[in-house]
Amino acid sequence: MCSNPIGKSITVNINKEYMVSAIVEDYPSNSHFEFDFIANIFSVVDFKASEDNWGTFMCFPYIKIYAETNIDTLRKKVEFHYNKIFGTE
């Protein structure tokens, strides 16, 4: 029988230690997620992608939208932050 891993530390390939806070089991087969682990983006500052190494790190951003959210305002805010980070063409 396996012991409970919650609260224990694991080390990933980059020799960075993380604490296990959840276990994902039997997620839907039609999910676009394929992962070995999931980490908070703010905890993975060691994953620095470069123009020469596209395989270093990739993430999917998600935004929680409430029913009362004004979609036009949200769209403008997302475009503003995208352009701030990546520039405009």
Foldseek 3Di string as FASTA:
>chain_A
DDDDQAQPWDADPVRDIDGDHDDDDDDDPPDPDDDPDDDDPVVPPVQDDDPVHPPRDDDDDDDDDDPPDDVVVVVVVVVVVCCVVPNDD
